[in-house]
Amino acid sequence: MERHNGCKPEELLESLGQFNCLTVLRIYNALDLLTCAVTFPPNITELTLSSLKRISDEGMNGLGNLTKLKTLRLLGELNWSGDSFDLNCVGGSFPQLEVFEMENLKVGKWKLGNGAMPRLQSVIINYCEGLDDLPSELWSLSGLRKVHVTKPSEKMAVVLRNLEINNGVQIVTEDHQQMNYFKYLTKKHVTEGVTIF
């Protein structure tokens, strides 16, 4: 798939790999970028990929191997009508990740392998209506402080309502029609970095 700059996204990322000082990266119109193995710059701490249509296991493995990644935002398309896919985070992946956000993705199931995302503190899920449950491994993460789900599926809302948590995790669900628990607004942090269209 060609981009406006005339090169394929994989080639563009390979050229970014030489920028060892790059810590913040935003890629707009990522589309099918995560359907194959992709190498990102090694020192990325904050990554935003928008307009994603699909994510393969290879794509998630590439993200999970970013050893310094602390914030990951995977953003889909509001009106994308493609097939659903699973997010598979293998054991030991995302070793430094603290914040994981997914929005408008056609995720059917999210799986966490043993030891994946050990430092995770905050999960934000917005408008992923095909996701009916969260990984049971999520609740055993000692650093987890907040799970915020906007417009959950009916099944997800029931699961979250009936969930018994003993480790002080704050669960926030919100629906534009009715609040299930209470409304909590998150502050979007604006930082300098590289933006690719």
N, C-alpha and C. Protein backbone atom coordinates (compact mmCIF):
# COMPACT_ATOMS: atom_id res chain seq x y z
N MET A 1 0.84 -1.17 0.00
CA MET A 1 0.00 0.00 0.00
C MET A 1 0.88 1.23 0.00
N GLU A 2 0.67 2.13 -0.90
CA GLU A 2 1.48 3.32 -1.07
C GLU A 2 0.96 4.47 -0.22
N ARG A 3 1.84 5.35 0.19
CA ARG A 3 1.49 6.54 0.95
C ARG A 3 1.81 7.78 0.11
N HIS A 4 1.40 8.93 0.59
CA HIS A 4 1.64 10.18 -0.12
C HIS A 4 3.12 10.45 -0.37
N ASN A 5 3.98 9.98 0.51
CA ASN A 5 5.41 10.24 0.35
C ASN A 5 6.06 9.25 -0.61
N GLY A 6 5.30 8.30 -1.17
CA GLY A 6 5.80 7.41 -2.19
C GLY A 6 6.46 6.14 -1.69
N CYS A 7 6.53 5.93 -0.39
CA CYS A 7 7.13 4.69 0.10
C CYS A 7 6.11 3.92 0.93
N LYS A 8 6.37 2.64 1.07
CA LYS A 8 5.48 1.80 1.87
C LYS A 8 5.70 2.08 3.35
N PRO A 9 4.68 1.87 4.19
CA PRO A 9 4.83 2.18 5.62
C PRO A 9 5.96 1.40 6.29
N GLU A 10 6.15 0.14 5.90
CA GLU A 10 7.21 -0.66 6.48
C GLU A 10 8.57 -0.04 6.18
N GLU A 11 8.74 0.45 4.94
CA GLU A 11 10.00 1.08 4.56
C GLU A 11 10.22 2.37 5.34
N LEU A 12 9.16 3.11 5.55
CA LEU A 12 9.25 4.35 6.31
C LEU A 12 9.67 4.06 7.75
N LEU A 13 9.07 3.04 8.37
CA LEU A 13 9.44 2.70 9.74
C LEU A 13 10.87 2.20 9.84
N GLU A 14 11.31 1.44 8.85
CA GLU A 14 12.69 0.98 8.85
C GLU A 14 13.64 2.17 8.85
N SER A 15 13.30 3.20 8.08
CA SER A 15 14.16 4.38 8.06
C SER A 15 14.10 5.13 9.38
N LEU A 16 12.96 5.08 10.08
CA LEU A 16 12.86 5.72 11.39
C LEU A 16 13.66 4.97 12.45
N GLY A 17 13.91 3.69 12.23
CA GLY A 17 14.64 2.87 13.19
C GLY A 17 16.01 3.41 13.52
N GLN A 18 16.58 4.20 12.64
CA GLN A 18 17.91 4.76 12.88
C GLN A 18 17.87 5.92 13.88
N PHE A 19 16.67 6.42 14.20
CA PHE A 19 16.54 7.53 15.13
C PHE A 19 16.42 7.01 16.56
N ASN A 20 17.54 6.68 17.16
CA ASN A 20 17.55 6.11 18.50
C ASN A 20 17.05 7.07 19.56
N CYS A 21 17.07 8.38 19.28
CA CYS A 21 16.62 9.35 20.27
C CYS A 21 15.11 9.58 20.20
N LEU A 22 14.44 9.01 19.23
CA LEU A 22 13.00 9.20 19.06
C LEU A 22 12.24 8.47 20.17
N THR A 23 11.43 9.21 20.95
CA THR A 23 10.70 8.59 22.06
C THR A 23 9.19 8.66 21.90
N VAL A 24 8.69 9.62 21.12
CA VAL A 24 7.24 9.77 20.92
C VAL A 24 6.96 9.66 19.43
N LEU A 25 6.03 8.80 19.07
CA LEU A 25 5.70 8.60 17.66
C LEU A 25 4.20 8.48 17.49
N ARG A 26 3.65 9.25 16.56
CA ARG A 26 2.24 9.16 16.20
C ARG A 26 2.17 8.89 14.70
N ILE A 27 1.43 7.86 14.34
CA ILE A 27 1.25 7.54 12.93
C ILE A 27 -0.24 7.57 12.63
N TYR A 28 -0.64 8.50 11.79
CA TYR A 28 -2.03 8.61 11.36
C TYR A 28 -2.22 7.76 10.11
N ASN A 29 -3.42 7.28 9.90
CA ASN A 29 -3.73 6.43 8.74
C ASN A 29 -2.85 5.18 8.72
N ALA A 30 -2.69 4.56 9.89
CA ALA A 30 -1.87 3.36 9.99
C ALA A 30 -2.51 2.17 9.26
N LEU A 31 -3.83 2.19 9.10
CA LEU A 31 -4.60 1.21 8.33
C LEU A 31 -4.18 -0.23 8.63
N ASP A 32 -3.46 -0.89 7.70
CA ASP A 32 -3.07 -2.29 7.84
C ASP A 32 -1.63 -2.45 8.32
N LEU A 33 -1.05 -1.41 8.87
CA LEU A 33 0.36 -1.44 9.26
C LEU A 33 0.68 -2.60 10.20
N LEU A 34 -0.23 -2.92 11.10
CA LEU A 34 0.03 -3.96 12.10
C LEU A 34 -0.48 -5.33 11.67
N THR A 35 -0.55 -5.58 10.37
CA THR A 35 -0.94 -6.91 9.90
C THR A 35 0.29 -7.75 9.53
N CYS A 36 1.48 -7.21 9.77
CA CYS A 36 2.71 -7.94 9.52
C CYS A 36 3.73 -7.50 10.56
N ALA A 37 4.88 -8.17 10.58
CA ALA A 37 5.93 -7.81 11.52
C ALA A 37 6.49 -6.45 11.14
N VAL A 38 6.53 -5.54 12.10
CA VAL A 38 7.03 -4.19 11.86
C VAL A 38 8.06 -3.87 12.93
N THR A 39 9.14 -3.23 12.53
CA THR A 39 10.17 -2.81 13.48
C THR A 39 10.04 -1.32 13.72
N PHE A 40 9.79 -0.95 14.97
CA PHE A 40 9.68 0.44 15.35
C PHE A 40 11.01 0.92 15.93
N PRO A 41 11.21 2.23 16.00
CA PRO A 41 12.42 2.74 16.66
C PRO A 41 12.51 2.19 18.09
N PRO A 42 13.69 1.80 18.54
CA PRO A 42 13.83 1.03 19.78
C PRO A 42 13.54 1.79 21.07
N ASN A 43 13.64 3.11 21.07
CA ASN A 43 13.49 3.87 22.31
C ASN A 43 12.14 4.56 22.46
N ILE A 44 11.17 4.12 21.70
CA ILE A 44 9.83 4.70 21.78
C ILE A 44 9.24 4.45 23.17
N THR A 45 8.76 5.52 23.80
CA THR A 45 8.08 5.39 25.09
C THR A 45 6.59 5.65 24.96
N GLU A 46 6.20 6.39 23.92
CA GLU A 46 4.79 6.70 23.69
C GLU A 46 4.48 6.51 22.21
N LEU A 47 3.49 5.67 21.91
CA LEU A 47 3.15 5.35 20.53
C LEU A 47 1.65 5.45 20.33
N THR A 48 1.24 6.19 19.31
CA THR A 48 -0.16 6.30 18.92
C THR A 48 -0.28 5.88 17.46
N LEU A 49 -1.13 4.90 17.20
CA LEU A 49 -1.42 4.47 15.83
C LEU A 49 -2.90 4.67 15.60
N SER A 50 -3.25 5.49 14.60
CA SER A 50 -4.66 5.78 14.38
C SER A 50 -5.13 5.26 13.03
N SER A 51 -6.44 5.14 12.92
CA SER A 51 -7.12 4.62 11.72
C SER A 51 -6.72 3.18 11.42
N LEU A 52 -6.44 2.42 12.46
CA LEU A 52 -6.11 1.00 12.27
C LEU A 52 -7.36 0.24 11.85
N LYS A 53 -7.19 -0.66 10.91
CA LYS A 53 -8.31 -1.51 10.47
C LYS A 53 -8.22 -2.91 11.07
N ARG A 54 -7.01 -3.38 11.24
CA ARG A 54 -6.81 -4.76 11.69
C ARG A 54 -5.44 -4.88 12.34
N ILE A 55 -5.33 -5.82 13.29
CA ILE A 55 -4.05 -6.06 13.95
C ILE A 55 -3.83 -7.57 14.00
N SER A 56 -2.69 -8.02 13.51
CA SER A 56 -2.37 -9.46 13.53
C SER A 56 -1.49 -9.77 14.74
N ASP A 57 -1.29 -11.06 14.99
CA ASP A 57 -0.40 -11.48 16.06
C ASP A 57 1.01 -10.96 15.83
N GLU A 58 1.47 -10.98 14.58
CA GLU A 58 2.80 -10.47 14.25
C GLU A 58 2.92 -8.99 14.61
N GLY A 59 1.86 -8.24 14.29
CA GLY A 59 1.86 -6.81 14.60
C GLY A 59 1.91 -6.56 16.10
N MET A 60 1.12 -7.31 16.87
CA MET A 60 1.13 -7.16 18.33
C MET A 60 2.49 -7.57 18.91
N ASN A 61 3.09 -8.62 18.34
CA ASN A 61 4.41 -9.04 18.83
C ASN A 61 5.45 -7.95 18.61
N GLY A 62 5.36 -7.27 17.46
CA GLY A 62 6.28 -6.17 17.19
C GLY A 62 6.14 -5.06 18.22
N LEU A 63 4.90 -4.74 18.57
CA LEU A 63 4.66 -3.72 19.59
C LEU A 63 5.13 -4.21 20.96
N GLY A 64 4.84 -5.45 21.26
CA GLY A 64 5.19 -6.02 22.57
C GLY A 64 6.68 -6.10 22.82
N ASN A 65 7.47 -6.07 21.75
CA ASN A 65 8.92 -6.14 21.88
C ASN A 65 9.56 -4.78 22.12
N LEU A 66 8.75 -3.72 22.15
CA LEU A 66 9.29 -2.39 22.45
C LEU A 66 9.51 -2.29 23.96
N THR A 67 10.73 -2.49 24.39
CA THR A 67 11.03 -2.65 25.81
C THR A 67 10.91 -1.36 26.62
N LYS A 68 10.83 -0.21 25.98
CA LYS A 68 10.73 1.05 26.72
C LYS A 68 9.34 1.68 26.60
N LEU A 69 8.44 1.04 25.88
CA LEU A 69 7.12 1.59 25.63
C LEU A 69 6.32 1.68 26.93
N LYS A 70 5.84 2.90 27.25
CA LYS A 70 5.05 3.12 28.46
C LYS A 70 3.59 3.44 28.16
N THR A 71 3.34 4.07 27.01
CA THR A 71 1.97 4.45 26.64
C THR A 71 1.70 3.98 25.22
N LEU A 72 0.62 3.22 25.05
CA LEU A 72 0.23 2.71 23.73
C LEU A 72 -1.23 3.05 23.48
N ARG A 73 -1.47 3.74 22.36
CA ARG A 73 -2.83 4.06 21.93
C ARG A 73 -3.07 3.44 20.56
N LEU A 74 -4.05 2.55 20.49
CA LEU A 74 -4.44 1.91 19.23
C LEU A 74 -5.83 2.41 18.89
N LEU A 75 -5.93 3.20 17.84
CA LEU A 75 -7.18 3.86 17.49
C LEU A 75 -7.66 3.39 16.13
N GLY A 76 -8.91 2.97 16.07
CA GLY A 76 -9.48 2.49 14.82
C GLY A 76 -10.31 3.55 14.14
N GLU A 77 -11.15 3.10 13.24
CA GLU A 77 -12.05 3.97 12.48
C GLU A 77 -13.46 3.79 13.01
N LEU A 78 -14.15 4.87 13.25
CA LEU A 78 -15.49 4.82 13.80
C LEU A 78 -16.45 4.02 12.92
N ASN A 79 -16.38 4.19 11.64
CA ASN A 79 -17.34 3.55 10.73
C ASN A 79 -16.77 2.35 9.98
N TRP A 80 -15.65 1.81 10.42
CA TRP A 80 -15.05 0.66 9.75
C TRP A 80 -15.93 -0.57 9.99
N SER A 81 -16.27 -1.27 8.92
CA SER A 81 -17.20 -2.39 9.04
C SER A 81 -16.53 -3.73 8.74
N GLY A 82 -15.22 -3.81 8.88
CA GLY A 82 -14.50 -5.05 8.60
C GLY A 82 -14.73 -6.11 9.67
N ASP A 83 -14.06 -7.24 9.49
CA ASP A 83 -14.17 -8.36 10.42
C ASP A 83 -13.49 -8.04 11.74
N SER A 84 -13.95 -8.70 12.80
CA SER A 84 -13.31 -8.51 14.10
C SER A 84 -12.01 -9.32 14.15
N PHE A 85 -11.16 -8.99 15.09
CA PHE A 85 -9.88 -9.67 15.26
C PHE A 85 -9.57 -9.76 16.76
N ASP A 86 -8.64 -10.62 17.10
CA ASP A 86 -8.22 -10.79 18.49
C ASP A 86 -6.92 -10.05 18.72
N LEU A 87 -6.77 -9.50 19.93
CA LEU A 87 -5.51 -8.92 20.36
C LEU A 87 -4.82 -9.95 21.25
N ASN A 88 -3.72 -10.50 20.79
CA ASN A 88 -2.99 -11.52 21.53
C ASN A 88 -1.67 -10.94 22.02
N CYS A 89 -1.55 -10.75 23.31
CA CYS A 89 -0.33 -10.24 23.93
C CYS A 89 0.39 -11.42 24.56
N VAL A 90 1.47 -11.85 23.95
CA VAL A 90 2.17 -13.05 24.41
C VAL A 90 2.88 -12.80 25.73
N GLY A 91 3.18 -13.88 26.43
CA GLY A 91 3.86 -13.80 27.72
C GLY A 91 5.15 -13.00 27.64
N GLY A 92 5.36 -12.13 28.61
CA GLY A 92 6.57 -11.33 28.67
C GLY A 92 6.56 -10.09 27.78
N SER A 93 5.50 -9.89 27.01
CA SER A 93 5.46 -8.72 26.12
C SER A 93 5.08 -7.46 26.89
N PHE A 94 5.38 -6.32 26.31
CA PHE A 94 5.08 -5.00 26.87
C PHE A 94 5.62 -4.87 28.31
N PRO A 95 6.91 -5.07 28.51
CA PRO A 95 7.45 -5.11 29.87
C PRO A 95 7.36 -3.80 30.65
N GLN A 96 7.31 -2.65 29.99
CA GLN A 96 7.26 -1.36 30.69
C GLN A 96 5.94 -0.63 30.51
N LEU A 97 4.99 -1.21 29.81
CA LEU A 97 3.75 -0.52 29.48
C LEU A 97 2.96 -0.16 30.74
N GLU A 98 2.56 1.12 30.83
CA GLU A 98 1.78 1.61 31.97
C GLU A 98 0.36 1.98 31.58
N VAL A 99 0.20 2.51 30.35
CA VAL A 99 -1.12 2.96 29.88
C VAL A 99 -1.41 2.29 28.55
N PHE A 100 -2.56 1.63 28.47
CA PHE A 100 -3.00 0.99 27.23
C PHE A 100 -4.38 1.50 26.89
N GLU A 101 -4.50 2.10 25.71
CA GLU A 101 -5.78 2.65 25.26
C GLU A 101 -6.14 2.06 23.91
N MET A 102 -7.37 1.62 23.79
CA MET A 102 -7.88 1.20 22.48
C MET A 102 -9.22 1.89 22.25
N GLU A 103 -9.42 2.32 21.02
CA GLU A 103 -10.64 3.06 20.69
C GLU A 103 -11.10 2.69 19.28
N ASN A 104 -12.41 2.46 19.17
CA ASN A 104 -13.03 2.16 17.87
C ASN A 104 -12.36 1.00 17.14
N LEU A 105 -11.92 0.00 17.87
CA LEU A 105 -11.32 -1.18 17.25
C LEU A 105 -12.35 -2.31 17.20
N LYS A 106 -12.26 -3.14 16.20
CA LYS A 106 -13.16 -4.29 16.04
C LYS A 106 -12.59 -5.51 16.75
N VAL A 107 -12.21 -5.32 18.01
CA VAL A 107 -11.61 -6.39 18.80
C VAL A 107 -12.70 -7.34 19.27
N GLY A 108 -12.53 -8.63 19.00
CA GLY A 108 -13.46 -9.63 19.49
C GLY A 108 -13.03 -10.19 20.82
N LYS A 109 -11.71 -10.35 21.00
CA LYS A 109 -11.18 -10.91 22.23
C LYS A 109 -9.78 -10.34 22.48
N TRP A 110 -9.50 -10.07 23.73
CA TRP A 110 -8.19 -9.60 24.15
C TRP A 110 -7.60 -10.65 25.07
N LYS A 111 -6.41 -11.14 24.71
CA LYS A 111 -5.75 -12.19 25.50
C LYS A 111 -4.41 -11.67 26.03
N LEU A 112 -4.15 -11.95 27.30
CA LEU A 112 -2.88 -11.60 27.94
C LEU A 112 -2.15 -12.87 28.33
N GLY A 113 -0.95 -13.05 27.79
CA GLY A 113 -0.14 -14.19 28.17
C GLY A 113 0.48 -13.99 29.55
N ASN A 114 1.01 -15.05 30.12
CA ASN A 114 1.63 -15.00 31.43
C ASN A 114 2.79 -14.00 31.43
N GLY A 115 2.75 -13.04 32.33
CA GLY A 115 3.82 -12.05 32.44
C GLY A 115 3.72 -10.90 31.46
N ALA A 116 2.67 -10.82 30.66
CA ALA A 116 2.50 -9.70 29.73
C ALA A 116 2.01 -8.47 30.50
N MET A 117 2.48 -7.31 30.09
CA MET A 117 2.08 -6.02 30.66
C MET A 117 2.20 -5.97 32.18
N PRO A 118 3.32 -6.38 32.75
CA PRO A 118 3.44 -6.47 34.21
C PRO A 118 3.35 -5.14 34.95
N ARG A 119 3.62 -4.03 34.27
CA ARG A 119 3.60 -2.71 34.92
C ARG A 119 2.36 -1.88 34.58
N LEU A 120 1.39 -2.51 33.96
CA LEU A 120 0.19 -1.80 33.51
C LEU A 120 -0.54 -1.16 34.69
N GLN A 121 -0.87 0.14 34.54
CA GLN A 121 -1.59 0.88 35.57
C GLN A 121 -2.98 1.30 35.13
N SER A 122 -3.12 1.60 33.85
CA SER A 122 -4.39 2.16 33.36
C SER A 122 -4.77 1.55 32.02
N VAL A 123 -6.04 1.14 31.93
CA VAL A 123 -6.60 0.62 30.68
C VAL A 123 -7.78 1.50 30.31
N ILE A 124 -7.78 1.99 29.08
CA ILE A 124 -8.86 2.83 28.58
C ILE A 124 -9.40 2.19 27.31
N ILE A 125 -10.68 1.86 27.33
CA ILE A 125 -11.31 1.21 26.17
C ILE A 125 -12.52 2.05 25.78
N ASN A 126 -12.46 2.64 24.60
CA ASN A 126 -13.53 3.50 24.12
C ASN A 126 -14.15 2.92 22.85
N TYR A 127 -15.43 2.67 22.89
CA TYR A 127 -16.21 2.28 21.71
C TYR A 127 -15.69 1.01 21.02
N CYS A 128 -15.28 0.04 21.79
CA CYS A 128 -14.89 -1.27 21.24
C CYS A 128 -16.03 -2.22 21.58
N GLU A 129 -17.15 -2.05 20.90
CA GLU A 129 -18.40 -2.71 21.27
C GLU A 129 -18.41 -4.21 21.00
N GLY A 130 -17.44 -4.72 20.24
CA GLY A 130 -17.37 -6.16 20.00
C GLY A 130 -16.63 -6.90 21.10
N LEU A 131 -15.99 -6.16 21.99
CA LEU A 131 -15.23 -6.76 23.09
C LEU A 131 -16.17 -7.02 24.25
N ASP A 132 -16.39 -8.30 24.56
CA ASP A 132 -17.37 -8.67 25.58
C ASP A 132 -16.77 -9.01 26.93
N ASP A 133 -15.45 -9.10 27.02
CA ASP A 133 -14.83 -9.46 28.28
C ASP A 133 -13.40 -8.95 28.28
N LEU A 134 -12.83 -8.86 29.46
CA LEU A 134 -11.43 -8.49 29.61
C LEU A 134 -10.65 -9.72 30.06
N PRO A 135 -9.36 -9.78 29.76
CA PRO A 135 -8.59 -10.96 30.16
C PRO A 135 -8.58 -11.13 31.68
N SER A 136 -8.76 -12.33 32.14
CA SER A 136 -8.75 -12.59 33.59
C SER A 136 -7.39 -12.25 34.19
N GLU A 137 -6.33 -12.37 33.40
CA GLU A 137 -4.97 -12.05 33.86
C GLU A 137 -4.82 -10.58 34.23
N LEU A 138 -5.67 -9.75 33.66
CA LEU A 138 -5.60 -8.31 33.93
C LEU A 138 -5.75 -8.01 35.41
N TRP A 139 -6.64 -8.72 36.07
CA TRP A 139 -6.97 -8.44 37.47
C TRP A 139 -5.88 -8.89 38.43
N SER A 140 -4.92 -9.66 37.95
CA SER A 140 -3.82 -10.10 38.83
C SER A 140 -2.61 -9.17 38.73
N LEU A 141 -2.68 -8.15 37.89
CA LEU A 141 -1.56 -7.21 37.75
C LEU A 141 -1.53 -6.30 38.97
N SER A 142 -0.46 -6.35 39.72
CA SER A 142 -0.39 -5.63 41.00
C SER A 142 -0.41 -4.11 40.85
N GLY A 143 0.06 -3.59 39.73
CA GLY A 143 0.10 -2.14 39.54
C GLY A 143 -1.16 -1.55 38.95
N LEU A 144 -2.11 -2.37 38.52
CA LEU A 144 -3.31 -1.87 37.87
C LEU A 144 -4.12 -1.01 38.83
N ARG A 145 -4.43 0.22 38.39
CA ARG A 145 -5.17 1.16 39.22
C ARG A 145 -6.53 1.54 38.66
N LYS A 146 -6.64 1.57 37.32
CA LYS A 146 -7.91 2.03 36.75
C LYS A 146 -8.21 1.32 35.43
N VAL A 147 -9.48 0.94 35.27
CA VAL A 147 -10.00 0.41 34.02
C VAL A 147 -11.20 1.28 33.67
N HIS A 148 -11.11 1.96 32.53
CA HIS A 148 -12.16 2.88 32.10
C HIS A 148 -12.71 2.38 30.76
N VAL A 149 -14.00 2.06 30.72
CA VAL A 149 -14.62 1.55 29.50
C VAL A 149 -15.78 2.46 29.12
N THR A 150 -15.67 3.07 27.94
CA THR A 150 -16.74 3.92 27.41
C THR A 150 -17.56 3.12 26.41
N LYS A 151 -18.85 3.14 26.60
CA LYS A 151 -19.81 2.44 25.75
C LYS A 151 -19.47 0.96 25.61
N PRO A 152 -19.47 0.24 26.72
CA PRO A 152 -19.19 -1.20 26.65
C PRO A 152 -20.35 -1.95 26.02
N SER A 153 -20.07 -3.14 25.51
CA SER A 153 -21.16 -4.00 25.03
C SER A 153 -22.01 -4.35 26.25
N GLU A 154 -23.22 -4.81 26.01
CA GLU A 154 -24.10 -5.19 27.12
C GLU A 154 -23.45 -6.27 27.97
N LYS A 155 -22.83 -7.24 27.30
CA LYS A 155 -22.18 -8.33 28.03
C LYS A 155 -21.02 -7.82 28.88
N MET A 156 -20.21 -6.91 28.32
CA MET A 156 -19.09 -6.33 29.07
C MET A 156 -19.59 -5.54 30.26
N ALA A 157 -20.67 -4.78 30.10
CA ALA A 157 -21.24 -3.99 31.20
C ALA A 157 -21.66 -4.90 32.35
N VAL A 158 -22.27 -6.03 32.03
CA VAL A 158 -22.69 -6.98 33.06
C VAL A 158 -21.47 -7.56 33.77
N VAL A 159 -20.45 -7.94 32.99
CA VAL A 159 -19.23 -8.51 33.57
C VAL A 159 -18.60 -7.51 34.54
N LEU A 160 -18.49 -6.25 34.13
CA LEU A 160 -17.87 -5.24 34.98
C LEU A 160 -18.70 -4.94 36.22
N ARG A 161 -20.02 -4.95 36.07
CA ARG A 161 -20.90 -4.70 37.21
C ARG A 161 -20.77 -5.80 38.26
N ASN A 162 -20.59 -7.03 37.81
CA ASN A 162 -20.55 -8.17 38.72
C ASN A 162 -19.14 -8.53 39.19
N LEU A 163 -18.16 -7.81 38.73
CA LEU A 163 -16.78 -8.11 39.06
C LEU A 163 -16.47 -7.73 40.50
N GLU A 164 -15.87 -8.64 41.20
CA GLU A 164 -15.42 -8.38 42.58
C GLU A 164 -13.91 -8.22 42.56
N ILE A 165 -13.46 -7.02 42.95
CA ILE A 165 -12.04 -6.72 42.93
C ILE A 165 -11.60 -6.35 44.33
N ASN A 166 -10.51 -6.95 44.77
CA ASN A 166 -10.03 -6.71 46.13
C ASN A 166 -8.74 -5.89 46.17
N ASN A 167 -8.18 -5.53 45.01
CA ASN A 167 -6.89 -4.85 45.03
C ASN A 167 -6.98 -3.35 44.75
N GLY A 168 -8.14 -2.75 44.93
CA GLY A 168 -8.28 -1.30 44.82
C GLY A 168 -8.32 -0.74 43.41
N VAL A 169 -8.59 -1.55 42.42
CA VAL A 169 -8.69 -1.07 41.05
C VAL A 169 -9.99 -0.28 40.89
N GLN A 170 -9.88 0.90 40.31
CA GLN A 170 -11.04 1.73 40.04
C GLN A 170 -11.61 1.32 38.68
N ILE A 171 -12.89 0.94 38.66
CA ILE A 171 -13.55 0.58 37.40
C ILE A 171 -14.54 1.68 37.07
N VAL A 172 -14.40 2.23 35.88
CA VAL A 172 -15.29 3.29 35.42
C VAL A 172 -15.92 2.83 34.11
N THR A 173 -17.23 2.82 34.07
CA THR A 173 -17.91 2.56 32.80
C THR A 173 -18.80 3.75 32.52
N GLU A 174 -18.88 4.10 31.26
CA GLU A 174 -19.75 5.21 30.91
C GLU A 174 -20.40 4.94 29.57
N ASP A 175 -21.63 5.35 29.50
CA ASP A 175 -22.41 5.24 28.29
C ASP A 175 -23.03 6.61 28.09
N HIS A 176 -23.11 7.07 26.88
CA HIS A 176 -23.65 8.41 26.65
C HIS A 176 -25.10 8.52 27.08
N GLN A 177 -25.82 7.43 27.12
CA GLN A 177 -27.22 7.45 27.50
C GLN A 177 -27.39 7.37 29.02
N GLN A 178 -26.56 6.57 29.67
CA GLN A 178 -26.75 6.33 31.09
C GLN A 178 -25.40 5.98 31.71
N MET A 179 -25.13 6.53 32.87
CA MET A 179 -23.89 6.23 33.57
C MET A 179 -24.08 4.95 34.40
N ASN A 180 -23.18 3.99 34.24
CA ASN A 180 -23.29 2.76 35.00
C ASN A 180 -22.62 2.90 36.37
N TYR A 181 -21.49 3.57 36.43
CA TYR A 181 -20.83 3.80 37.72
C TYR A 181 -20.73 5.31 37.95
N PHE A 182 -19.83 5.99 37.27
CA PHE A 182 -19.74 7.43 37.31
C PHE A 182 -18.85 7.90 36.18
N LYS A 183 -18.96 9.16 35.87
CA LYS A 183 -18.20 9.70 34.75
C LYS A 183 -16.85 10.18 35.24
N TYR A 184 -15.84 9.84 34.49
CA TYR A 184 -14.49 10.24 34.83
C TYR A 184 -13.83 10.70 33.55
N LEU A 185 -13.39 11.93 33.50
CA LEU A 185 -12.77 12.47 32.30
C LEU A 185 -11.26 12.27 32.39
N THR A 186 -10.67 11.79 31.32
CA THR A 186 -9.23 11.62 31.30
C THR A 186 -8.60 12.80 30.58
N LYS A 187 -7.48 13.21 31.05
CA LYS A 187 -6.75 14.31 30.43
C LYS A 187 -5.83 13.72 29.37
N LYS A 188 -5.92 14.25 28.17
CA LYS A 188 -5.03 13.83 27.09
C LYS A 188 -3.75 14.64 27.21
N HIS A 189 -2.63 13.95 27.27
CA HIS A 189 -1.35 14.63 27.39
C HIS A 189 -0.83 14.94 25.99
N VAL A 190 -0.44 16.17 25.79
CA VAL A 190 0.11 16.59 24.51
C VAL A 190 1.62 16.69 24.67
N THR A 191 2.34 15.95 23.86
CA THR A 191 3.79 15.98 23.93
C THR A 191 4.35 16.16 22.54
N GLU A 192 5.58 16.56 22.48
CA GLU A 192 6.22 16.73 21.19
C GLU A 192 6.72 15.39 20.71
N GLY A 193 6.69 15.19 19.42
CA GLY A 193 7.17 13.94 18.84
C GLY A 193 7.07 14.00 17.34
N VAL A 194 7.18 12.88 16.73
CA VAL A 194 7.09 12.77 15.28
C VAL A 194 5.67 12.38 14.90
N THR A 195 5.14 13.07 13.91
CA THR A 195 3.81 12.75 13.41
C THR A 195 3.93 12.38 11.95
N ILE A 196 3.35 11.24 11.58
CA ILE A 196 3.40 10.77 10.19
C ILE A 196 1.97 10.67 9.67
N PHE A 197 1.72 11.26 8.52
CA PHE A 197 0.39 11.18 7.91
C PHE A 197 0.42 10.19 6.78
